[in-house]
Amino acid sequence: MTEMISKAACIGSGVIGAGWAARLLWNGIDVHVFDPNPEAQRQLDEVIENADRALAKLTLAPRPTKGKLTFTTNLAEAVRDAGFIQESVPERIDLKKSVLAEIETHAPNDALICSSSSGLLPSELQTDMKHPARFMIGHPFNPVYLLPLVEICGGGQTDPSDIERAQSFYNSIGMRPLIVRKEIDGFIADRLMEALWREALWLVKDDVATVEEIDEAVRLGAGLRWAQMGTFMTYRIAGGEGGMRHFMEQFGPSLKWPWTKLMDVPDLDEALLDKIADQSDAQAKGGDFRDMERLRDDCLVSTLQALKVHDVGAGAELARFEADLYSRAHPAESGSPDYSKPLRLYETVVQPDWVDYNNHMTESRYLQVFGDASDGFTRHIGIDSDYLEATGSYFTVETHIMHLAEVASLEPIYTTTQLLAMDDKRIHLFHRIHHGRNDEVLASGEQMLLHVGRRSRKACAADPAVLKILDEIMTAQASLAKPDHAGRSMGIKPKS
């Protein structure tokens, strides 16, 4: 069961803490952020701004209303009502332990407490805690608001049920929790990155390659493969038809060759530090830090969307999260719905990136909202994930939109849907978009949907259970007046 949390606290608002705040806010969760640094709020606002820009382009799935952000320099105030607390203070065990003790003093008894630590062991961090069962590591990757991986590592006193609660919650905000089976320094991903980092430092120190050349080697070669299939699957394919066994038999002996210096670390003296810093400055070519962040985010969004098309890697996680967003936007109604009037199945808020230079919702977003209304209707009649996988779905084959009034950014809207006609393969829907405060009709959208088989990819009859619900709705709405704009065609009458 998904852990439902409406309020969270982020303790520390550096790069990681601010990234957590951005992801939580985007998922409709109110967030209190604590940080005593005088520059913290400015830096937090800049990260949130960049995150909003990137997340606006990540998916067209219906998004929850953005959560409320509150910044405070009072830790007790930050955690007082939080159901989830993410600690992201600097990697000093004494500092983390003192902060965790203060969190415990003021947090609700059932609040989950997770640390973003990238290497400290949870058993060490929880030694002085009064209620250590609910504490664990929740180690993310930068930028937290885009990258889905979070490593969960419990300590010796962590309750397995609380790990399950954290796993459920992280899943609900679009992350892919990876449970670390055993406590180990650096967990999983950082140990792998550390191995590459150590060798990269030696290559720079020994003048084999510059920092830019090393980055080129990663981003133009192995990095592209890692993004979709990781290390072991990459090598399995490299083994050809013989698979992993053939690869290991062929290349395994090379592991004994002295190619790398992974068990040795170069001395980070001033000369090496200067060399790395100078080469990195040259590589950056004077680029602004926030501009580089935005370029990184744009590239990550494009990569995630490309991987989603193939349903692999982080793209598969994005697809899963999108499906969850659609599910939350169109929850199945409980009880006996009133079919005698148009169905109210979708509501949202006009997002800031949905508007044009006049601050009015753009035409493409009207179409998106009507599509979301159709999704809500089809979900209501039984087209859930199991039906989609086993049977098929309804595809929109014709749409006609009438724009009647304007709506601005951050204003609430909702849709109502009337079933005008149906047969075993088609449904004829009429949607209206209403203003959420005064019920004014802002636009109407008329759509014809065709039922298509999952495997045949051809028009076919819907499942009898779906047709039964449609028939109930059609019978109940048969007495409703035909909307004025239904069946209208576009044209200008010639002057007589």
Protein backbone atom coordinates (compact mmCIF):
# COMPACT_ATOMS: atom_id res chain seq x y z
CA MET A 1 0.00 0.00 0.00
CA THR A 2 1.30 3.46 -0.92
CA GLU A 3 2.42 5.55 2.03
CA MET A 4 0.21 8.65 1.85
CA ILE A 5 2.09 11.69 3.17
CA SER A 6 0.96 15.29 2.71
CA LYS A 7 3.65 17.12 4.69
CA ALA A 8 7.41 16.61 4.64
CA ALA A 9 10.52 18.28 6.00
CA CYS A 10 13.92 18.72 4.35
CA ILE A 11 16.69 19.34 6.84
CA GLY A 12 19.52 21.02 4.96
CA SER A 13 19.01 22.73 1.61
CA GLY A 14 22.25 22.27 -0.26
CA VAL A 15 22.26 20.71 -3.73
CA ILE A 16 20.74 17.46 -2.45
CA GLY A 17 18.32 18.90 0.11
CA ALA A 18 16.99 21.46 -2.35
CA GLY A 19 16.58 18.71 -4.96
CA TRP A 20 14.52 16.70 -2.50
CA ALA A 21 12.34 19.73 -1.79
CA ALA A 22 11.73 20.24 -5.52
CA ARG A 23 10.69 16.61 -6.10
CA LEU A 24 8.39 16.57 -3.06
CA LEU A 25 6.73 19.88 -4.00
CA TRP A 26 6.15 18.69 -7.57
CA ASN A 27 4.34 15.67 -6.14
CA GLY A 28 1.86 17.88 -4.30
CA ILE A 29 3.49 17.56 -0.87
CA ASP A 30 3.85 20.59 1.42
CA VAL A 31 7.50 20.99 2.41
CA HIS A 32 9.17 22.77 5.32
CA VAL A 33 12.86 23.38 4.62
CA PHE A 34 15.31 24.07 7.46
CA ASP A 35 18.78 25.50 6.94
CA PRO A 36 20.66 28.04 9.13
CA ASN A 37 22.93 29.17 6.25
CA PRO A 38 22.21 32.88 5.46
CA GLU A 39 22.45 32.09 1.72
CA ALA A 40 20.27 28.98 1.94
CA GLN A 41 16.94 30.47 0.90
CA ARG A 42 18.37 32.18 -2.17
CA GLN A 43 20.13 28.99 -3.28
CA LEU A 44 16.99 26.94 -2.57
CA ASP A 45 14.84 29.27 -4.67
CA GLU A 46 17.28 29.01 -7.59
CA VAL A 47 17.27 25.20 -7.48
CA ILE A 48 13.45 25.12 -7.25
CA GLU A 49 13.23 27.44 -10.26
CA ASN A 50 15.51 25.21 -12.34
CA ALA A 51 13.67 22.10 -11.17
CA ASP A 52 10.26 23.52 -12.11
CA ARG A 53 11.64 24.32 -15.56
CA ALA A 54 12.89 20.76 -16.09
CA LEU A 55 9.90 18.96 -14.58
CA ALA A 56 7.50 20.99 -16.72
CA LYS A 57 9.04 19.28 -19.76
CA LEU A 58 9.41 15.79 -18.29
CA THR A 59 5.86 14.48 -18.75
CA LEU A 60 2.39 15.46 -19.93
CA ALA A 61 0.78 13.23 -17.30
CA PRO A 62 -1.61 15.08 -14.95
CA ARG A 63 0.33 16.55 -12.06
CA PRO A 64 -0.91 17.13 -8.53
CA THR A 65 -1.30 20.72 -7.39
CA LYS A 66 2.19 21.82 -6.39
CA GLY A 67 2.88 21.66 -2.68
CA LYS A 68 3.49 24.71 -0.51
CA LEU A 69 7.12 25.58 0.31
CA THR A 70 7.96 27.06 3.73
CA PHE A 71 11.53 28.03 4.62
CA THR A 72 12.55 28.25 8.26
CA THR A 73 15.64 28.52 10.44
CA ASN A 74 13.81 26.71 13.25
CA LEU A 75 14.30 22.95 13.02
CA ALA A 76 11.53 22.15 15.50
CA GLU A 77 9.06 24.11 13.36
CA ALA A 78 10.21 22.29 10.22
CA VAL A 79 9.58 18.75 11.51
CA ARG A 80 6.64 19.29 13.87
CA ASP A 81 3.88 18.09 11.50
CA ALA A 82 5.97 16.15 8.97
CA GLY A 83 5.10 12.58 8.04
CA PHE A 84 8.41 12.20 6.18
CA ILE A 85 11.75 13.82 7.04
CA GLN A 86 14.79 13.80 4.76
CA GLU A 87 18.04 14.86 6.44
CA SER A 88 20.70 16.20 4.06
CA VAL A 89 23.26 18.00 6.24
CA PRO A 90 27.04 17.76 5.54
CA GLU A 91 28.73 14.33 5.79
CA ARG A 92 30.04 14.65 9.36
CA ILE A 93 28.89 11.91 11.67
CA ASP A 94 28.91 14.11 14.78
CA LEU A 95 26.79 16.77 13.04
CA LYS A 96 24.35 14.24 11.64
CA LYS A 97 23.89 12.52 15.00
CA SER A 98 23.18 15.81 16.78
CA VAL A 99 20.71 16.87 14.07
CA LEU A 100 18.96 13.50 14.19
CA ALA A 101 18.62 13.81 17.97
CA GLU A 102 16.95 17.21 17.57
CA ILE A 103 14.68 15.88 14.82
CA GLU A 104 13.55 13.05 17.09
CA THR A 105 12.72 15.47 19.88
CA HIS A 106 10.20 17.41 17.80
CA ALA A 107 8.98 15.04 15.04
CA PRO A 108 5.73 13.02 15.20
CA ASN A 109 6.24 9.52 16.57
CA ASP A 110 5.27 7.84 13.30
CA ALA A 111 7.31 10.07 10.97
CA LEU A 112 9.83 8.33 8.73
CA ILE A 113 13.35 9.73 9.13
CA CYS A 114 15.78 9.17 6.26
CA SER A 115 19.30 10.43 5.70
CA SER A 116 20.77 11.38 2.33
CA SER A 117 24.20 10.23 3.50
CA SER A 118 26.29 8.85 0.64
CA GLY A 119 28.51 6.66 2.76
CA LEU A 120 27.95 6.75 6.54
CA LEU A 121 26.56 3.55 7.99
CA PRO A 122 23.01 3.77 9.38
CA SER A 123 23.89 1.64 12.40
CA GLU A 124 26.44 4.26 13.45
CA LEU A 125 24.04 7.14 12.92
CA GLN A 126 21.23 5.54 14.94
CA THR A 127 23.31 4.57 18.00
CA ASP A 128 22.07 7.53 20.10
CA MET A 129 18.52 7.66 18.76
CA LYS A 130 15.61 6.99 21.12
CA HIS A 131 13.45 5.54 18.32
CA PRO A 132 15.94 4.10 15.82
CA ALA A 133 13.48 1.67 14.22
CA ARG A 134 12.13 4.31 11.81
CA PHE A 135 15.55 5.59 10.69
CA MET A 136 17.40 4.53 7.55
CA ILE A 137 19.55 5.83 4.71
CA GLY A 138 17.68 7.17 1.66
CA HIS A 139 20.61 8.03 -0.61
CA PRO A 140 19.61 9.87 -3.83
CA PHE A 141 21.53 11.10 -6.87
CA ASN A 142 21.89 14.60 -8.22
CA PRO A 143 19.64 16.09 -9.53
CA VAL A 144 17.23 14.48 -7.11
CA TYR A 145 14.19 15.91 -8.90
CA LEU A 146 15.04 14.03 -12.14
CA LEU A 147 17.11 10.94 -11.32
CA PRO A 148 14.88 8.13 -9.97
CA LEU A 149 17.40 6.03 -8.03
CA VAL A 150 17.36 6.10 -4.22
CA GLU A 151 19.35 3.56 -2.20
CA ILE A 152 17.62 2.46 1.00
CA CYS A 153 19.89 1.00 3.66
CA GLY A 154 18.60 0.13 7.10
CA GLY A 155 20.73 -0.16 10.21
CA GLY A 156 20.84 -2.87 12.83
CA GLN A 157 17.90 -1.32 14.68
CA THR A 158 15.76 -0.38 11.66
CA ASP A 159 12.35 -2.03 11.53
CA PRO A 160 11.80 -3.88 8.20
CA SER A 161 8.21 -2.58 8.14
CA ASP A 162 9.52 0.98 8.15
CA ILE A 163 11.79 0.13 5.23
CA GLU A 164 8.67 -1.04 3.40
CA ARG A 165 6.93 2.24 4.30
CA ALA A 166 9.85 4.24 2.93
CA GLN A 167 10.00 2.11 -0.21
CA SER A 168 6.30 2.72 -0.82
CA PHE A 169 6.65 6.46 -0.28
CA TYR A 170 9.68 6.85 -2.55
CA ASN A 171 7.82 4.88 -5.22
CA SER A 172 4.87 7.24 -4.94
CA ILE A 173 7.04 10.27 -5.76
CA GLY A 174 8.48 8.68 -8.90
CA MET A 175 11.65 7.10 -7.52
CA ARG A 176 13.08 3.61 -7.87
CA PRO A 177 14.12 2.41 -4.40
CA LEU A 178 17.06 0.01 -4.40
CA ILE A 179 17.26 -1.92 -1.13
CA VAL A 180 20.87 -2.42 -0.01
CA ARG A 181 20.96 -5.98 1.31
CA LYS A 182 23.88 -5.45 3.71
CA GLU A 183 25.35 -2.39 5.37
CA ILE A 184 28.50 -1.41 3.54
CA ASP A 185 30.46 1.82 3.27
CA GLY A 186 29.39 3.79 0.20
CA PHE A 187 26.44 1.45 -0.47
CA ILE A 188 26.23 0.26 -4.12
CA ALA A 189 26.26 3.06 -6.68
CA ASP A 190 28.86 5.24 -4.97
CA ARG A 191 31.27 2.31 -4.68
CA LEU A 192 30.99 1.79 -8.44
CA MET A 193 31.47 5.50 -9.12
CA GLU A 194 34.38 5.61 -6.68
CA ALA A 195 36.20 2.92 -8.64
CA LEU A 196 35.91 4.93 -11.86
CA TRP A 197 36.82 8.15 -10.02
CA ARG A 198 40.02 6.69 -8.55
CA GLU A 199 41.23 5.50 -11.93
CA ALA A 200 40.31 8.84 -13.50
CA LEU A 201 42.43 10.68 -10.93
CA TRP A 202 45.44 8.51 -11.78
CA LEU A 203 44.98 9.12 -15.52
CA VAL A 204 45.06 12.88 -14.88
CA LYS A 205 47.98 12.68 -12.42
CA ASP A 206 50.07 10.59 -14.82
CA ASP A 207 49.25 12.91 -17.76
CA VAL A 208 47.59 10.07 -19.68
CA ALA A 209 44.44 12.15 -20.25
CA THR A 210 42.87 15.47 -19.32
CA VAL A 211 39.62 15.77 -17.38
CA GLU A 212 37.81 16.64 -20.63
CA GLU A 213 39.20 13.61 -22.46
CA ILE A 214 38.13 11.33 -19.62
CA ASP A 215 34.61 12.78 -19.69
CA GLU A 216 34.55 12.26 -23.48
CA ALA A 217 35.52 8.62 -22.99
CA VAL A 218 32.58 8.11 -20.63
CA ARG A 219 29.85 10.15 -22.30
CA LEU A 220 30.58 9.01 -25.86
CA GLY A 221 31.19 5.36 -25.03
CA ALA A 222 30.21 3.30 -22.03
CA GLY A 223 27.94 5.97 -20.54
CA LEU A 224 25.48 5.67 -23.41
CA ARG A 225 25.16 1.93 -22.85
CA TRP A 226 25.05 2.21 -19.06
CA ALA A 227 22.02 4.51 -19.29
CA GLN A 228 19.89 1.77 -20.81
CA MET A 229 21.28 -1.52 -19.56
CA GLY A 230 23.96 -1.10 -16.90
CA THR A 231 27.25 -3.00 -16.65
CA PHE A 232 26.42 -6.70 -16.56
CA MET A 233 23.88 -6.66 -19.38
CA THR A 234 26.32 -4.63 -21.50
CA TYR A 235 28.97 -7.30 -21.02
CA ARG A 236 26.47 -10.11 -21.60
CA ILE A 237 25.74 -8.68 -25.05
CA ALA A 238 29.47 -8.26 -25.64
CA GLY A 239 29.75 -12.03 -25.18
CA GLY A 240 27.73 -12.55 -28.36
CA GLU A 241 25.65 -15.68 -28.71
CA GLY A 242 27.65 -17.30 -25.92
CA GLY A 243 26.34 -14.73 -23.47
CA MET A 244 27.91 -13.87 -20.14
CA ARG A 245 29.82 -17.16 -19.77
CA HIS A 246 31.56 -16.63 -23.09
CA PHE A 247 32.40 -13.04 -22.16
CA MET A 248 33.85 -14.06 -18.79
CA GLU A 249 35.89 -16.89 -20.32
CA GLN A 250 37.21 -14.57 -23.01
CA PHE A 251 37.96 -11.47 -20.95
CA GLY A 252 38.17 -12.85 -17.42
CA PRO A 253 41.94 -13.48 -17.56
CA SER A 254 42.51 -9.78 -18.30
CA LEU A 255 41.27 -8.98 -14.79
CA LYS A 256 44.66 -10.13 -13.53
CA TRP A 257 46.50 -7.70 -15.77
CA PRO A 258 47.78 -4.53 -14.03
CA TRP A 259 45.57 -2.21 -16.07
CA THR A 260 44.14 -0.17 -13.21
CA LYS A 261 45.23 1.22 -9.84
CA LEU A 262 41.96 0.64 -8.05
CA MET A 263 43.63 -0.46 -4.83
CA ASP A 264 45.82 2.62 -4.75
CA VAL A 265 44.83 6.28 -4.42
CA PRO A 266 46.88 9.20 -5.81
CA ASP A 267 48.00 11.75 -3.25
CA LEU A 268 45.70 14.76 -3.64
CA ASP A 269 48.54 17.26 -3.18
CA GLU A 270 48.35 20.89 -4.32
CA ALA A 271 49.92 20.07 -7.67
CA LEU A 272 47.25 17.50 -8.56
CA LEU A 273 44.45 19.69 -7.21
CA ASP A 274 45.68 22.63 -9.29
CA LYS A 275 45.96 20.44 -12.39
CA ILE A 276 42.41 19.10 -12.03
CA ALA A 277 40.92 22.51 -11.20
CA ASP A 278 42.71 24.24 -14.11
CA GLN A 279 41.69 21.57 -16.60
CA SER A 280 38.12 21.65 -15.34
CA ASP A 281 37.99 25.45 -15.71
CA ALA A 282 39.27 25.11 -19.27
CA GLN A 283 36.65 22.47 -20.00
CA ALA A 284 33.84 24.70 -18.66
CA LYS A 285 34.94 27.59 -20.91
CA GLY A 286 33.64 30.15 -18.43
CA GLY A 287 30.10 28.76 -18.47
CA ASP A 288 27.68 29.93 -15.79
CA PHE A 289 26.92 27.33 -13.11
CA ARG A 290 23.12 27.64 -13.36
CA ASP A 291 23.29 27.54 -17.17
CA MET A 292 25.24 24.27 -16.96
CA GLU A 293 22.63 22.91 -14.55
CA ARG A 294 19.86 23.76 -17.00
CA LEU A 295 21.74 22.14 -19.89
CA ARG A 296 22.28 19.02 -17.77
CA ASP A 297 18.57 18.92 -16.91
CA ASP A 298 17.51 19.39 -20.54
CA CYS A 299 19.74 16.52 -21.62
CA LEU A 300 18.48 14.30 -18.81
CA VAL A 301 14.84 15.02 -19.70
CA SER A 302 15.53 14.13 -23.35
CA THR A 303 17.36 10.95 -22.33
CA LEU A 304 14.60 9.89 -19.93
CA GLN A 305 11.95 10.47 -22.59
CA ALA A 306 13.97 8.56 -25.19
CA LEU A 307 14.45 5.61 -22.82
CA LYS A 308 10.71 5.71 -22.00
CA VAL A 309 9.90 5.03 -25.66
CA HIS A 310 11.79 1.73 -25.34
CA ASP A 311 10.61 1.03 -21.76
CA VAL A 312 14.12 0.45 -20.43
CA GLY A 313 16.25 1.81 -17.59
CA ALA A 314 15.16 5.07 -16.01
CA GLY A 315 12.67 5.48 -18.88
CA ALA A 316 10.70 2.51 -17.57
CA GLU A 317 10.56 4.19 -14.16
CA LEU A 318 9.26 7.39 -15.77
CA ALA A 319 6.56 5.38 -17.58
CA ARG A 320 5.56 3.70 -14.30
CA PHE A 321 5.35 7.05 -12.52
CA GLU A 322 3.31 8.56 -15.36
CA ALA A 323 0.83 5.69 -15.09
CA ASP A 324 0.60 6.37 -11.35
CA LEU A 325 -0.01 10.08 -12.00
CA TYR A 326 -2.84 9.23 -14.40
CA SER A 327 -4.27 6.81 -11.85
CA ARG A 328 -4.21 9.45 -9.12
CA ALA A 329 -5.71 12.06 -11.44
CA HIS A 330 -8.59 9.72 -12.34
CA PRO A 331 -9.39 7.68 -9.23
CA ALA A 332 -12.07 5.05 -9.54
CA GLU A 333 -15.30 6.28 -7.95
CA SER A 334 -16.58 4.42 -4.92
CA GLY A 335 -20.22 3.78 -4.16
CA SER A 336 -22.96 4.38 -6.72
CA PRO A 337 -22.11 7.34 -8.99
CA ASP A 338 -24.92 9.52 -10.27
CA TYR A 339 -25.03 8.81 -14.00
CA SER A 340 -28.03 11.08 -14.61
CA LYS A 341 -25.77 14.12 -15.02
CA PRO A 342 -22.40 14.74 -16.70
CA LEU A 343 -19.59 13.03 -14.78
CA ARG A 344 -16.97 15.11 -12.98
CA LEU A 345 -13.89 12.91 -13.32
CA TYR A 346 -10.90 15.23 -13.63
CA GLU A 347 -9.75 18.44 -11.96
CA THR A 348 -6.45 20.27 -11.85
CA VAL A 349 -4.79 23.69 -11.69
CA VAL A 350 -3.49 25.53 -14.76
CA GLN A 351 0.27 25.03 -14.52
CA PRO A 352 2.61 28.02 -15.09
CA ASP A 353 4.12 26.34 -18.16
CA TRP A 354 0.64 25.90 -19.71
CA VAL A 355 0.16 29.59 -20.49
CA ASP A 356 1.26 31.93 -23.29
CA TYR A 357 2.61 35.48 -23.17
CA ASN A 358 -0.88 36.72 -22.23
CA ASN A 359 -0.93 34.40 -19.20
CA HIS A 360 -3.80 32.42 -20.78
CA MET A 361 -3.85 28.64 -21.22
CA THR A 362 -2.57 27.67 -24.68
CA GLU A 363 -4.60 25.73 -27.25
CA SER A 364 -2.49 22.58 -26.91
CA ARG A 365 -3.23 22.44 -23.19
CA TYR A 366 -6.99 22.55 -23.80
CA LEU A 367 -6.54 19.46 -25.96
CA GLN A 368 -4.41 17.87 -23.24
CA VAL A 369 -7.09 18.51 -20.60
CA PHE A 370 -9.79 17.00 -22.83
CA GLY A 371 -7.54 14.01 -23.36
CA ASP A 372 -7.18 13.70 -19.59
CA ALA A 373 -10.97 13.87 -19.26
CA SER A 374 -11.32 11.01 -21.77
CA ASP A 375 -8.71 9.05 -19.83
CA GLY A 376 -10.74 9.65 -16.67
CA PHE A 377 -13.89 8.41 -18.39
CA THR A 378 -12.30 5.26 -19.83
CA ARG A 379 -10.71 4.48 -16.48
CA HIS A 380 -14.14 4.90 -14.87
CA ILE A 381 -15.72 2.33 -17.19
CA GLY A 382 -13.02 -0.25 -16.42
CA ILE A 383 -10.05 0.43 -18.70
CA ASP A 384 -7.39 -0.02 -16.01
CA SER A 385 -3.78 -1.22 -16.35
CA ASP A 386 -4.82 -4.90 -16.40
CA TYR A 387 -7.37 -4.24 -19.15
CA LEU A 388 -4.82 -2.26 -21.18
CA GLU A 389 -2.34 -5.13 -20.96
CA ALA A 390 -4.76 -7.98 -21.66
CA THR A 391 -7.50 -6.56 -23.88
CA GLY A 392 -6.97 -3.13 -25.39
CA SER A 393 -8.05 0.47 -25.07
CA TYR A 394 -10.07 3.31 -26.58
CA PHE A 395 -8.22 5.54 -29.06
CA THR A 396 -9.38 9.06 -29.94
CA VAL A 397 -10.10 9.27 -33.68
CA GLU A 398 -11.77 12.70 -33.91
CA THR A 399 -11.82 15.88 -31.79
CA HIS A 400 -13.61 19.24 -32.05
CA ILE A 401 -12.82 22.03 -29.54
CA MET A 402 -14.76 25.24 -28.89
CA HIS A 403 -12.88 27.94 -26.94
CA LEU A 404 -15.42 29.98 -24.97
CA ALA A 405 -13.50 31.86 -22.26
CA GLU A 406 -9.96 32.41 -21.04
CA VAL A 407 -8.27 30.95 -17.98
CA ALA A 408 -4.99 32.09 -16.42
CA SER A 409 -2.07 30.41 -14.68
CA LEU A 410 -2.68 28.76 -11.29
CA GLU A 411 -6.48 28.96 -11.61
CA PRO A 412 -8.47 25.78 -10.77
CA ILE A 413 -10.36 23.92 -13.49
CA TYR A 414 -12.41 20.74 -13.71
CA THR A 415 -14.12 18.76 -16.46
CA THR A 416 -17.57 17.23 -16.87
CA THR A 417 -18.26 14.47 -19.38
CA GLN A 418 -21.51 13.51 -21.11
CA LEU A 419 -21.95 10.31 -23.14
CA LEU A 420 -23.80 11.24 -26.33
CA ALA A 421 -23.78 7.85 -28.07
CA MET A 422 -22.17 4.40 -28.01
CA ASP A 423 -22.02 1.02 -29.69
CA ASP A 424 -19.84 -2.01 -29.07
CA LYS A 425 -16.76 -0.34 -30.62
CA ARG A 426 -17.27 3.43 -30.29
CA ILE A 427 -18.07 6.07 -27.70
CA HIS A 428 -19.09 9.66 -28.48
CA LEU A 429 -18.15 12.00 -25.63
CA PHE A 430 -18.84 15.65 -24.93
CA HIS A 431 -16.56 17.35 -22.38
CA ARG A 432 -16.73 20.76 -20.79
CA ILE A 433 -13.92 22.55 -18.96
CA HIS A 434 -15.25 24.61 -16.04
CA HIS A 435 -13.58 27.22 -13.88
CA GLY A 436 -13.07 25.73 -10.44
CA ARG A 437 -14.27 28.81 -8.55
CA ASN A 438 -17.42 29.86 -10.41
CA ASP A 439 -18.27 26.82 -12.61
CA GLU A 440 -18.13 28.96 -15.79
CA VAL A 441 -17.77 26.84 -18.94
CA LEU A 442 -14.40 27.73 -20.47
CA ALA A 443 -14.37 25.34 -23.41
CA SER A 444 -16.08 22.29 -24.83
CA GLY A 445 -14.50 19.29 -26.49
CA GLU A 446 -16.33 16.67 -28.54
CA GLN A 447 -14.52 13.37 -29.12
CA MET A 448 -15.11 10.06 -30.88
CA LEU A 449 -13.17 7.14 -29.42
CA LEU A 450 -12.64 3.72 -31.03
CA HIS A 451 -11.94 0.51 -29.13
CA VAL A 452 -8.72 -1.15 -30.41
CA GLY A 453 -7.47 -4.64 -29.53
CA ARG A 454 -4.20 -4.97 -27.62
CA ARG A 455 -2.69 -7.55 -29.99
CA SER A 456 -4.63 -7.09 -33.23
CA ARG A 457 -4.24 -3.29 -33.23
CA LYS A 458 -7.58 -3.20 -35.03
CA ALA A 459 -11.04 -1.97 -34.05
CA CYS A 460 -12.94 -4.56 -32.01
CA ALA A 461 -15.78 -4.79 -29.51
CA ALA A 462 -15.06 -3.79 -25.93
CA ASP A 463 -15.34 -6.28 -23.09
CA PRO A 464 -18.96 -7.00 -22.02
CA ALA A 465 -18.25 -5.65 -18.52
CA VAL A 466 -17.16 -2.32 -20.04
CA LEU A 467 -20.17 -2.23 -22.35
CA LYS A 468 -22.47 -2.88 -19.38
CA ILE A 469 -21.21 0.25 -17.58
CA LEU A 470 -21.45 2.27 -20.79
CA ASP A 471 -25.03 1.13 -21.26
CA GLU A 472 -25.88 2.18 -17.70
CA ILE A 473 -24.43 5.64 -18.31
CA MET A 474 -26.12 5.95 -21.72
CA THR A 475 -29.52 4.98 -20.29
CA ALA A 476 -29.18 7.43 -17.38
CA GLN A 477 -28.03 10.32 -19.59
CA ALA A 478 -30.43 9.73 -22.47
CA SER A 479 -32.77 12.41 -21.13
CA LEU A 480 -30.05 15.07 -20.95
CA ALA A 481 -30.34 17.83 -23.52
CA LYS A 482 -27.93 17.64 -26.43
CA PRO A 483 -25.21 20.27 -25.87
CA ASP A 484 -25.52 23.35 -28.05
CA HIS A 485 -22.09 22.89 -29.58
CA ALA A 486 -22.36 19.15 -30.22
CA GLY A 487 -22.06 18.23 -33.90
CA ARG A 488 -20.99 21.72 -34.93
CA SER A 489 -18.79 22.11 -37.98
CA MET A 490 -16.36 24.88 -38.76
CA GLY A 491 -17.05 27.39 -41.52
CA ILE A 492 -17.96 30.96 -42.48
CA LYS A 493 -21.31 31.46 -44.08
CA PRO A 494 -21.11 33.51 -47.30
CA LYS A 495 -22.85 36.85 -47.32
CA SER A 496 -26.19 36.76 -49.11
